[in-house]
C-alpha atoms as a PDB file:
ATOM      1  CA  UNK A   1     -34.145  -0.861 -26.136  1.00  0.00           C
ATOM      2  CA  UNK A   2     -30.536  -2.346 -27.254  1.00  0.00           C
ATOM      3  CA  UNK A   3     -28.611   0.704 -26.611  1.00  0.00           C
ATOM      4  CA  UNK A   4     -30.066   1.006 -23.293  1.00  0.00           C
ATOM      5  CA  UNK A   5     -28.817  -2.744 -22.238  1.00  0.00           C
ATOM      6  CA  UNK A   6     -25.280  -2.029 -23.894  1.00  0.00           C
ATOM      7  CA  UNK A   7     -24.937   1.514 -21.814  1.00  0.00           C
ATOM      8  CA  UNK A   8     -26.532  -1.109 -18.371  1.00  0.00           C
ATOM      9  CA  UNK A   9     -23.809  -3.346 -19.362  1.00  0.00           C
ATOM     10  CA  UNK A  10     -20.567  -0.921 -19.709  1.00  0.00           C
ATOM     11  CA  UNK A  11     -21.817   0.605 -16.334  1.00  0.00           C
ATOM     12  CA  UNK A  12     -22.140  -2.002 -14.574  1.00  0.00           C
ATOM     13  CA  UNK A  13     -18.437  -3.472 -15.936  1.00  0.00           C
ATOM     14  CA  UNK A  14     -16.857  -0.039 -15.606  1.00  0.00           C
ATOM     15  CA  UNK A  15     -18.155  -0.295 -12.136  1.00  0.00           C
ATOM     16  CA  UNK A  16     -16.683  -3.474 -11.122  1.00  0.00           C
ATOM     17  CA  UNK A  17     -13.499  -2.909 -12.786  1.00  0.00           C
ATOM     18  CA  UNK A  18     -13.052  -0.062 -10.563  1.00  0.00           C
ATOM     19  CA  UNK A  19     -13.950  -1.630  -7.274  1.00  0.00           C
ATOM     20  CA  UNK A  20     -11.730  -4.523  -8.148  1.00  0.00           C
ATOM     21  CA  UNK A  21      -8.732  -1.957  -8.744  1.00  0.00           C
ATOM     22  CA  UNK A  22      -9.904  -0.001  -5.898  1.00  0.00           C
ATOM     23  CA  UNK A  23      -9.799  -3.479  -3.608  1.00  0.00           C
ATOM     24  CA  UNK A  24      -6.079  -4.430  -5.397  1.00  0.00           C
ATOM     25  CA  UNK A  25      -4.637  -0.803  -4.700  1.00  0.00           C
ATOM     26  CA  UNK A  26      -6.266  -1.129  -0.805  1.00  0.00           C
ATOM     27  CA  UNK A  27      -4.753  -4.575  -0.408  1.00  0.00           C
ATOM     28  CA  UNK A  28      -1.495  -3.974  -1.604  1.00  0.00           C
ATOM     29  CA  UNK A  29      -0.956  -0.298   0.653  1.00  0.00           C
ATOM     30  CA  UNK A  30      -2.209  -2.622   3.695  1.00  0.00           C
ATOM     31  CA  UNK A  31       0.551  -5.209   2.940  1.00  0.00           C
ATOM     32  CA  UNK A  32       3.043  -2.568   2.777  1.00  0.00           C
ATOM     33  CA  UNK A  33       1.813  -1.000   5.999  1.00  0.00           C
ATOM     34  CA  UNK A  34       2.443  -4.166   7.514  1.00  0.00           C
ATOM     35  CA  UNK A  35       6.087  -4.783   6.334  1.00  0.00           C
ATOM     36  CA  UNK A  36       6.724  -1.171   7.149  1.00  0.00           C
ATOM     37  CA  UNK A  37       5.991  -1.696  10.678  1.00  0.00           C
ATOM     38  CA  UNK A  38       7.541  -5.200  11.023  1.00  0.00           C
ATOM     39  CA  UNK A  39      10.676  -3.476   9.475  1.00  0.00           C
ATOM     40  CA  UNK A  40      10.601  -0.462  12.541  1.00  0.00           C
ATOM     41  CA  UNK A  41       9.753  -2.827  14.941  1.00  0.00           C
ATOM     42  CA  UNK A  42      13.104  -4.616  14.021  1.00  0.00           C
ATOM     43  CA  UNK A  43      14.892  -1.667  13.718  1.00  0.00           C
ATOM     44  CA  UNK A  44      14.433  -0.444  17.190  1.00  0.00           C
ATOM     45  CA  UNK A  45      15.327  -3.763  18.271  1.00  0.00           C
ATOM     46  CA  UNK A  46      18.726  -4.182  16.819  1.00  0.00           C
ATOM     47  CA  UNK A  47      19.921  -0.578  17.061  1.00  0.00           C
ATOM     48  CA  UNK A  48      18.119   0.395  20.692  1.00  0.00           C
ATOM     49  CA  UNK A  49      21.983   0.807  22.107  1.00  0.00           C
ATOM     50  CA  UNK A  50      22.345   3.712  19.299  1.00  0.00           C
ATOM     51  CA  UNK A  51      21.488   7.279  20.079  1.00  0.00           C
ATOM     52  CA  UNK A  52      19.660   7.846  16.989  1.00  0.00           C
ATOM     53  CA  UNK A  53      17.932   5.772  14.406  1.00  0.00           C
ATOM     54  CA  UNK A  54      16.851   7.634  11.267  1.00  0.00           C
ATOM     55  CA  UNK A  55      13.897   6.393   9.186  1.00  0.00           C
ATOM     56  CA  UNK A  56      13.539   6.886   5.747  1.00  0.00           C
ATOM     57  CA  UNK A  57      11.281   6.847   2.749  1.00  0.00           C
ATOM     58  CA  UNK A  58      11.742   6.798  -0.436  1.00  0.00           C
ATOM     59  CA  UNK A  59       8.164   6.768  -2.026  1.00  0.00           C
ATOM     60  CA  UNK A  60       4.698   5.859  -1.391  1.00  0.00           C
ATOM     61  CA  UNK A  61       5.348   2.242  -2.243  1.00  0.00           C
ATOM     62  CA  UNK A  62       9.041   2.024  -1.235  1.00  0.00           C
ATOM     63  CA  UNK A  63       9.864   0.103   2.228  1.00  0.00           C
ATOM     64  CA  UNK A  64      10.811   2.022   4.769  1.00  0.00           C
ATOM     65  CA  UNK A  65      15.048   2.030   5.376  1.00  0.00           C
ATOM     66  CA  UNK A  66      16.583   1.577   8.956  1.00  0.00           C
ATOM     67  CA  UNK A  67      19.739   3.847   9.532  1.00  0.00           C
ATOM     68  CA  UNK A  68      21.602   4.262  12.640  1.00  0.00           C
ATOM     69  CA  UNK A  69      23.090   7.906  12.832  1.00  0.00           C
END
C-alpha cells in the first residue's frame, strides 16, 4: 500500500512540474511575441519613407531586428 501512495505522489508532483514548466514557457513565448510585434510596428513607423525594410530573427527566443535596405 505504501508503494502505491509513493507512486501516486511521484505522478502528481511530476504532473504539476510538467504543467508549471509548460506555463512558464507559454508565458515567455507570449511576452516575446508581444515585444516582437512592438518592434515590427515601430520599424514600419520609423522607416516608412524607405523603399525596403528587412525584418530578421536569429533564433526562436531572439527578438526581431529591423534593418532598412
